[in-house]
Protein backbone atom coordinates (compact mmCIF):
# COMPACT_ATOMS: atom_id res chain seq x y z
CA MET A 1 20.55 -84.34 -28.59
CA ARG A 2 21.12 -80.53 -28.59
CA PRO A 3 24.81 -79.59 -28.02
CA PRO A 4 25.47 -77.97 -24.56
CA HIS A 5 26.81 -74.71 -26.02
CA LEU A 6 23.67 -74.32 -28.22
CA ALA A 7 21.35 -74.82 -25.20
CA LEU A 8 23.32 -72.18 -23.28
CA LEU A 9 22.99 -69.74 -26.22
CA VAL A 10 19.20 -70.26 -26.41
CA PHE A 11 18.87 -69.70 -22.65
CA THR A 12 20.91 -66.46 -22.82
CA LEU A 13 18.86 -65.12 -25.75
CA SER A 14 15.58 -65.81 -23.92
CA LEU A 15 16.79 -63.78 -20.94
CA LEU A 16 17.78 -60.88 -23.18
CA LEU A 17 14.47 -60.91 -25.07
CA GLY A 18 12.55 -61.01 -21.80
CA ALA A 19 14.46 -58.00 -20.55
CA CYS A 20 13.81 -56.13 -23.81
CA SER A 21 10.15 -57.02 -23.62
CA GLU A 22 9.90 -55.72 -20.04
CA SER A 23 11.85 -52.58 -21.01
CA ALA A 24 9.51 -51.91 -23.94
CA ARG A 25 6.42 -52.55 -21.83
CA ARG A 26 7.37 -50.27 -18.89
CA GLY A 27 8.87 -46.78 -19.07
CA SER A 28 12.00 -45.73 -17.20
CA VAL A 29 12.61 -42.53 -15.22
CA GLY A 30 12.11 -39.50 -17.49
CA GLU A 31 10.15 -41.32 -20.18
CA SER A 32 6.65 -40.22 -21.26
CA CYS A 33 3.51 -41.87 -19.89
CA THR A 34 -0.25 -41.46 -19.64
CA SER A 35 -0.70 -43.44 -16.41
CA SER A 36 1.41 -45.18 -13.77
CA ALA A 37 0.73 -48.49 -15.52
CA ASP A 38 3.03 -47.29 -18.33
CA CYS A 39 6.01 -46.98 -15.95
CA GLY A 40 8.39 -49.59 -14.56
CA ARG A 41 8.33 -51.06 -11.02
CA GLY A 42 8.73 -48.45 -8.32
CA LEU A 43 7.84 -45.54 -10.65
CA GLY A 44 4.74 -43.40 -10.98
CA CYS A 45 3.40 -41.19 -13.80
CA VAL A 46 3.69 -37.55 -12.65
CA ALA A 47 2.88 -34.75 -15.13
CA GLN A 48 2.99 -37.45 -17.88
CA VAL A 49 6.59 -38.37 -17.04
CA CYS A 50 7.75 -41.59 -15.27
CA SER A 51 9.21 -40.51 -11.90
CA GLU A 52 10.36 -42.03 -8.61
CA ARG A 53 7.45 -42.66 -6.23
CA SER A 54 7.51 -41.97 -2.51
CA ASP A 55 6.55 -45.61 -1.90
CA ALA A 56 9.13 -46.98 -4.35
CA GLY A 57 10.99 -48.81 -1.59
CA SER A 58 8.19 -51.30 -1.05
CA SER A 59 8.59 -54.73 -2.58
CA GLN A 60 5.35 -54.38 -4.58
CA ALA A 61 4.67 -50.72 -5.56
CA PRO A 62 1.00 -50.10 -6.43
CA ILE A 63 0.18 -49.29 -10.02
CA ASN A 64 -2.67 -46.90 -9.14
CA ALA A 65 -1.63 -43.24 -9.04
CA ALA A 66 -1.93 -40.95 -6.04
CA ALA A 67 -3.46 -37.44 -6.03
CA GLY A 68 -1.66 -35.10 -8.42
CA MET A 69 -0.30 -37.88 -10.60
CA SER A 70 -1.16 -38.37 -14.26
CA CYS A 71 -3.97 -40.67 -15.37
CA ALA A 72 -6.00 -41.58 -18.42
CA THR A 73 -9.09 -42.98 -16.65
CA ARG A 74 -10.43 -43.23 -13.09
CA ARG A 75 -9.16 -46.77 -12.68
CA ASP A 76 -5.59 -45.44 -13.05
CA CYS A 77 -6.06 -43.57 -9.75
CA THR A 78 -6.01 -44.82 -6.17
CA SER A 79 -9.48 -45.79 -4.92
CA GLY A 80 -11.39 -42.69 -3.78
CA LEU A 81 -9.85 -40.41 -6.43
CA VAL A 82 -11.16 -39.37 -9.83
CA CYS A 83 -9.32 -38.64 -13.08
CA VAL A 84 -10.10 -35.14 -14.39
CA SER A 85 -8.05 -33.50 -17.16
CA ASN A 86 -5.67 -36.48 -16.89
CA VAL A 87 -4.79 -35.76 -13.25
CA CYS A 88 -5.89 -37.81 -10.22
CA GLN A 89 -7.94 -35.57 -7.93
CA THR A 90 -10.06 -35.77 -4.80
CA MET A 91 -13.68 -36.58 -5.61
CA SER A 92 -16.06 -33.57 -5.55
CA LEU A 93 -19.63 -33.57 -4.32
CA GLY A 94 -21.98 -34.85 -7.00
CA GLN A 95 -19.55 -37.15 -8.80
CA SER A 96 -20.38 -40.84 -9.19
CA GLU A 97 -19.85 -43.16 -6.23
CA VAL A 98 -16.38 -43.70 -4.80
CA ALA A 99 -16.52 -47.48 -5.26
CA SER A 100 -17.03 -47.22 -9.03
CA ARG A 101 -13.94 -47.77 -11.14
CA PHE A 102 -15.68 -46.25 -14.18
CA SER A 103 -15.08 -42.58 -15.03
CA GLY A 104 -18.04 -40.28 -14.39
CA ARG A 105 -19.31 -37.37 -16.47
CA GLY A 106 -16.52 -34.90 -17.26
CA GLU A 107 -13.75 -37.32 -16.24
CA SER A 108 -10.95 -38.44 -18.53
CA CYS A 109 -11.25 -41.54 -20.71
CA ARG A 110 -9.68 -43.39 -23.63
CA ALA A 111 -12.60 -45.57 -24.73
CA LYS A 112 -16.34 -45.92 -24.13
CA ASN A 113 -15.91 -48.78 -21.64
CA ASP A 114 -13.84 -46.44 -19.43
CA CYS A 115 -17.05 -44.47 -18.75
CA ALA A 116 -19.97 -45.32 -16.49
CA PRO A 117 -23.10 -46.18 -18.53
CA PRO A 118 -24.79 -44.46 -20.35
CA LEU A 119 -21.83 -42.11 -20.89
CA ALA A 120 -19.54 -42.27 -23.91
CA CYS A 121 -15.95 -41.15 -24.44
CA VAL A 122 -16.07 -37.93 -26.48
CA SER A 123 -12.79 -36.06 -27.06
CA GLU A 124 -11.19 -38.01 -24.17
CA SER A 125 -13.95 -36.96 -21.75
CA CYS A 126 -16.95 -38.99 -20.54
CA GLN A 127 -20.11 -37.23 -21.77
CA MET A 128 -23.80 -37.85 -22.38
CA VAL A 129 -24.35 -38.44 -26.08
CA ASN A 130 -28.15 -38.29 -26.06
CA ILE A 131 -30.25 -35.98 -23.92
CA ALA A 132 -32.98 -37.27 -21.65
CA LEU A 133 -35.80 -35.05 -22.95
CA GLY A 134 -38.21 -36.65 -25.40
CA HIS A 135 -38.58 -35.00 -28.81
CA THR A 136 -41.93 -33.51 -29.86
CA SER A 137 -43.02 -31.85 -33.10
CA LYS A 138 -44.27 -28.67 -31.37
CA SER A 139 -42.33 -25.41 -30.96
CA CYS A 140 -42.45 -22.46 -28.57
CA HIS A 141 -43.81 -19.17 -29.90
CA ARG A 142 -43.81 -15.68 -28.41
CA VAL A 143 -47.12 -14.04 -29.31
CA GLU A 144 -47.64 -10.33 -28.77
CA CYS A 145 -50.43 -9.47 -31.19
CA ALA A 146 -52.85 -10.53 -33.87
CA THR A 147 -53.56 -7.07 -35.31
CA LYS A 148 -52.12 -3.55 -35.19
CA GLU A 149 -54.78 -2.63 -32.63
CA ASP A 150 -53.27 -5.11 -30.17
CA CYS A 151 -49.94 -3.28 -30.34
CA CYS A 152 -51.57 0.12 -29.92
CA ALA A 153 -53.84 -0.84 -27.03
CA GLY A 154 -51.60 0.91 -24.51
CA PHE A 155 -50.86 3.99 -26.66
CA VAL A 156 -51.87 7.33 -25.07
CA PRO A 157 -52.08 10.34 -27.46
CA ASN A 158 -50.66 13.69 -26.41
CA ALA A 159 -53.08 16.03 -24.63
CA LYS A 160 -52.57 18.71 -27.32
CA CYS A 161 -53.42 16.54 -30.31
CA ASP A 162 -56.31 18.82 -31.32
CA VAL A 163 -53.87 21.71 -31.70
CA TYR A 164 -51.31 19.59 -33.54
CA LYS A 165 -54.01 18.30 -35.91
CA GLU A 166 -55.16 21.82 -36.69
CA ASN A 167 -51.55 22.86 -37.38
CA CYS A 168 -51.07 19.84 -39.65
CA ASP A 169 -54.18 20.70 -41.66
CA THR A 170 -52.93 24.27 -42.02
CA ASP A 171 -49.33 23.47 -42.97
CA PRO A 172 -47.99 19.94 -43.73
CA ILE A 173 -44.68 20.84 -42.09
CA PHE A 174 -46.38 20.32 -38.71
CA CYS A 175 -47.79 16.91 -39.61
CA ASN A 176 -44.67 15.04 -38.48
CA THR A 177 -45.21 16.32 -34.94
CA TYR A 178 -48.86 15.35 -35.04
CA ARG A 179 -48.24 11.83 -36.32
CA SER A 180 -45.37 11.22 -33.86
CA LEU A 181 -47.32 12.29 -30.77
CA CYS A 182 -50.88 11.49 -31.71
CA GLU A 183 -50.77 8.35 -33.87
CA CYS A 184 -49.55 4.93 -32.77
CA ALA A 185 -46.39 4.09 -34.73
CA LYS A 186 -46.48 0.32 -34.16
CA ASP A 187 -47.60 -2.57 -36.33
CA CYS A 188 -48.12 -6.30 -35.88
CA VAL A 189 -45.69 -8.39 -37.95
CA GLU A 190 -45.69 -12.18 -37.56
CA GLU A 191 -47.42 -11.89 -34.17
CA LEU A 192 -44.78 -9.48 -32.83
CA CYS A 193 -45.17 -5.71 -32.30
CA VAL A 194 -42.61 -3.69 -34.25
CA ASP A 195 -41.92 0.06 -34.41
CA GLU A 196 -42.86 1.85 -37.61
CA PRO A 197 -41.65 5.27 -38.82
CA PRO A 198 -44.22 8.10 -38.67
CA GLY A 199 -46.77 7.99 -41.51
CA CYS A 200 -47.07 10.61 -44.24
CA LYS A 201 -49.30 11.63 -47.11
CA SER A 202 -46.79 13.80 -48.99
CA ALA A 203 -43.09 14.67 -48.90
CA ALA A 204 -44.02 18.01 -47.36
CA GLU A 205 -44.83 16.15 -44.13
CA CYS A 206 -41.36 14.54 -43.95
CA THR A 207 -39.33 17.26 -42.25
CA SER A 208 -36.34 15.18 -41.17
CA GLU A 209 -33.17 15.56 -43.25
CA GLN A 210 -32.54 11.82 -42.90
CA THR A 211 -36.00 10.81 -44.23
CA PRO A 212 -37.26 13.60 -46.51
CA PHE A 213 -39.27 11.42 -48.95
CA CYS A 214 -42.75 9.96 -48.55
CA LEU A 215 -42.76 6.41 -49.89
CA ASP A 216 -45.67 4.02 -49.38
CA GLY A 217 -47.07 6.20 -46.60
CA LYS A 218 -43.77 6.34 -44.66
CA CYS A 219 -40.98 8.93 -44.51
CA ARG A 220 -37.91 7.36 -46.11
CA ALA A 221 -34.34 8.30 -47.07
CA CYS A 222 -35.09 8.00 -50.81
CA ASP A 223 -37.84 7.24 -53.30
CA VAL A 224 -35.81 6.66 -56.50
CA ASP A 225 -32.16 6.00 -57.34
CA ALA A 226 -31.64 9.62 -58.33
CA SER A 227 -32.49 10.79 -54.80
CA CYS A 228 -29.44 8.95 -53.40
CA PRO A 229 -26.02 10.67 -53.20
CA GLY A 230 -23.37 9.36 -55.59
CA ALA A 231 -23.71 7.90 -59.05
CA ASP A 232 -23.31 4.32 -57.81
CA SER A 233 -26.00 4.40 -55.12
CA ARG A 234 -29.33 2.60 -55.42
CA CYS A 235 -32.63 3.18 -53.62
CA VAL A 236 -33.86 -0.11 -52.17
CA MET A 237 -37.01 -0.07 -50.04
CA GLY A 238 -36.46 3.57 -49.16
CA GLN A 239 -32.82 3.11 -48.17
CA CYS A 240 -29.76 4.26 -50.13
CA ILE A 241 -27.20 1.51 -50.62
CA ALA A 242 -24.01 1.27 -52.67
CA ALA A 243 -24.53 -0.42 -56.03
CA CYS A 244 -22.49 -3.53 -56.88
CA SER A 245 -21.05 -4.73 -60.18
CA PHE A 246 -19.85 -8.22 -59.22
CA ASP A 247 -20.32 -10.76 -56.41
CA GLU A 248 -17.00 -9.97 -54.71
CA GLN A 249 -18.39 -6.59 -53.65
CA CYS A 250 -21.08 -8.32 -51.58
CA PRO A 251 -20.91 -10.02 -48.19
CA LEU A 252 -20.46 -13.79 -48.02
CA LEU A 253 -23.46 -15.86 -49.19
CA GLN A 254 -24.78 -12.90 -51.20
CA ARG A 255 -24.76 -12.31 -54.95
CA CYS A 256 -24.83 -9.13 -57.01
CA GLN A 257 -28.16 -9.07 -58.84
CA ASP A 258 -29.22 -6.00 -60.86
CA GLY A 259 -26.68 -3.87 -59.01
CA VAL A 260 -27.93 -4.92 -55.56
CA CYS A 261 -26.34 -7.38 -53.14
CA THR A 262 -29.00 -10.03 -52.56
CA GLU A 263 -29.08 -12.83 -49.99
CA THR A 264 -28.88 -16.09 -51.92
CA GLY A 265 -27.36 -18.49 -49.39
CA CYS A 266 -24.83 -21.20 -50.11
CA MET A 267 -24.58 -22.89 -53.50
CA THR A 268 -22.08 -25.74 -52.98
CA GLN A 269 -20.76 -28.04 -50.24
CA ARG A 270 -17.23 -26.75 -50.77
CA GLU A 271 -18.37 -23.20 -50.16
CA CYS A 272 -19.70 -24.24 -46.76
CA ALA A 273 -16.58 -26.26 -45.93
CA PHE A 274 -14.38 -23.21 -46.43
CA LEU A 275 -16.83 -20.82 -44.79
CA THR A 276 -17.21 -22.89 -41.60
CA LYS A 277 -13.60 -24.15 -41.62
CA ASN A 278 -15.07 -27.65 -41.35
CA SER A 279 -14.71 -30.17 -44.19
CA LEU A 280 -17.87 -32.01 -43.02
CA ALA A 281 -20.13 -28.97 -43.57
CA ILE A 282 -22.93 -29.28 -46.13
CA CYS A 283 -25.21 -26.84 -47.96
CA ARG A 284 -28.83 -27.51 -47.06
CA ALA A 285 -31.67 -25.25 -48.24
CA GLY A 286 -29.24 -22.40 -48.84
CA LYS A 287 -27.71 -22.62 -45.36
CA CYS A 288 -24.37 -24.04 -44.28
CA GLN A 289 -24.65 -26.75 -41.63
CA VAL A 290 -22.27 -29.15 -39.95
CA PRO A 291 -24.05 -32.53 -39.70
CA CYS A 292 -24.47 -33.95 -36.21
CA GLU A 293 -24.14 -37.57 -35.12
CA VAL A 294 -25.29 -37.42 -31.50
CA ASP A 295 -27.32 -34.92 -29.46
CA THR A 296 -24.23 -33.48 -27.77
CA ASP A 297 -23.01 -32.23 -31.16
CA CYS A 298 -25.83 -29.67 -30.95
CA GLU A 299 -24.87 -26.61 -28.92
CA GLY A 300 -27.91 -24.45 -29.78
CA ASP A 301 -27.78 -20.71 -30.41
CA GLY A 302 -26.82 -19.80 -26.85
CA LYS A 303 -30.28 -18.38 -26.07
CA MET A 304 -31.99 -21.56 -24.92
CA GLY A 305 -29.10 -23.16 -23.02
CA LEU A 306 -27.62 -26.62 -23.43
CA GLY A 307 -29.64 -29.77 -24.03
CA PHE A 308 -32.56 -28.21 -25.91
CA GLU A 309 -31.56 -29.41 -29.37
CA VAL A 310 -31.41 -33.00 -30.59
CA CYS A 311 -29.72 -34.59 -33.59
CA GLU A 312 -32.34 -35.76 -36.07
CA GLN A 313 -31.27 -37.13 -39.45
CA GLY A 314 -27.94 -35.33 -39.15
CA GLN A 315 -29.55 -31.98 -38.36
CA CYS A 316 -29.81 -30.18 -35.00
CA VAL A 317 -33.45 -29.36 -34.22
CA PHE A 318 -35.29 -27.96 -31.20
CA VAL A 319 -36.31 -30.72 -28.79
CA GLY A 320 -39.88 -29.43 -28.87
CA CYS A 321 -42.41 -28.62 -26.16
CA GLU A 322 -45.44 -30.26 -24.57
CA SER A 323 -47.15 -27.33 -22.80
CA ASP A 324 -47.45 -23.54 -22.72
CA ALA A 325 -45.92 -23.61 -19.22
CA GLU A 326 -42.69 -25.08 -20.63
CA CYS A 327 -42.54 -22.28 -23.20
CA ARG A 328 -43.14 -19.61 -20.57
CA ALA A 329 -40.11 -20.89 -18.68
CA LEU A 330 -37.97 -21.22 -21.82
CA LEU A 331 -38.89 -17.76 -23.17
CA GLU A 332 -38.73 -16.21 -19.67
CA ILE A 333 -42.29 -14.88 -19.80
CA GLU A 334 -43.21 -14.75 -16.11
CA SER A 335 -46.96 -14.24 -16.53
CA ASP A 336 -49.64 -13.41 -19.08
CA ASP A 337 -49.65 -9.62 -18.58
CA GLY A 338 -51.38 -8.90 -21.87
CA LEU A 339 -48.12 -7.84 -23.52
CA ALA A 340 -46.85 -11.28 -24.51
CA ARG A 341 -47.92 -14.91 -24.30
CA ALA A 342 -45.97 -18.13 -24.68
CA LEU A 343 -47.67 -20.81 -26.78
CA CYS A 344 -46.65 -24.39 -27.50
CA ARG A 345 -47.97 -25.35 -30.91
């Protein structure tokens, strides 16, 4: 039989341990919290601190937080409120039904099962992880031309072109005026119309101080390295650029090749990690990319809006199109006015 003093000691220790357990489980006034459930009886979590509640005098204080109190998920809040940015708030129009105890899109969460299906908890916020649009292999294209003639269809020569042509034939110095006003200076490049500098047949026709040389039928800033100012300048495609001696003189992802900074892209994974400030970045086909896991990791380029890229094999790709009408809306081409068309192909 257990001695009476030993039984009394065991009973006293059990009371003390129970009190310690309750103290560790519930916070006291002034202690940190994420929801009212973290605080002791009669307390509520306000601004992430356990504080006295207005209803603390009741024999059974509710755990659910009132408007303005801290929360981690919707179920921490009183029925009819939602948890947004870890604060219980009045439900706004468009949020999920009042009766639901699951957090809706944009509400706070700690785990996936805090969110209403099919949402997931991403960075402590309930979000869609996969977009609803189906993925196709087709892309949207803006088509303006097939040939140079398509770009020049609306060009109207100057009324005095006969005079300008006669002047050009007499003295090449007048040819720049003739070609600028009487010849279409557009070309079709990859189905898009682009502006071209005025044509020329000799340097005598290039009267501008900025482009005094005739190179490949166009007035350019230079034709050889010697025509560029400075001993270290190089003539590249009619433009004078500073020559380089080593890679560090070139922009990022470029290398110095034969005295010219040349786009080469990334070479290693580490280079991309440091360039993007993201250790998960990889070098793929000369471009730095941060692999995606779900569709919401893809933010797009800001031109198409959200939800138009999907995560496919760790890479963000355009969701694709099914019709020309979809591309017209995406590319904001109101109608086929002859200047541009939107094609899904």
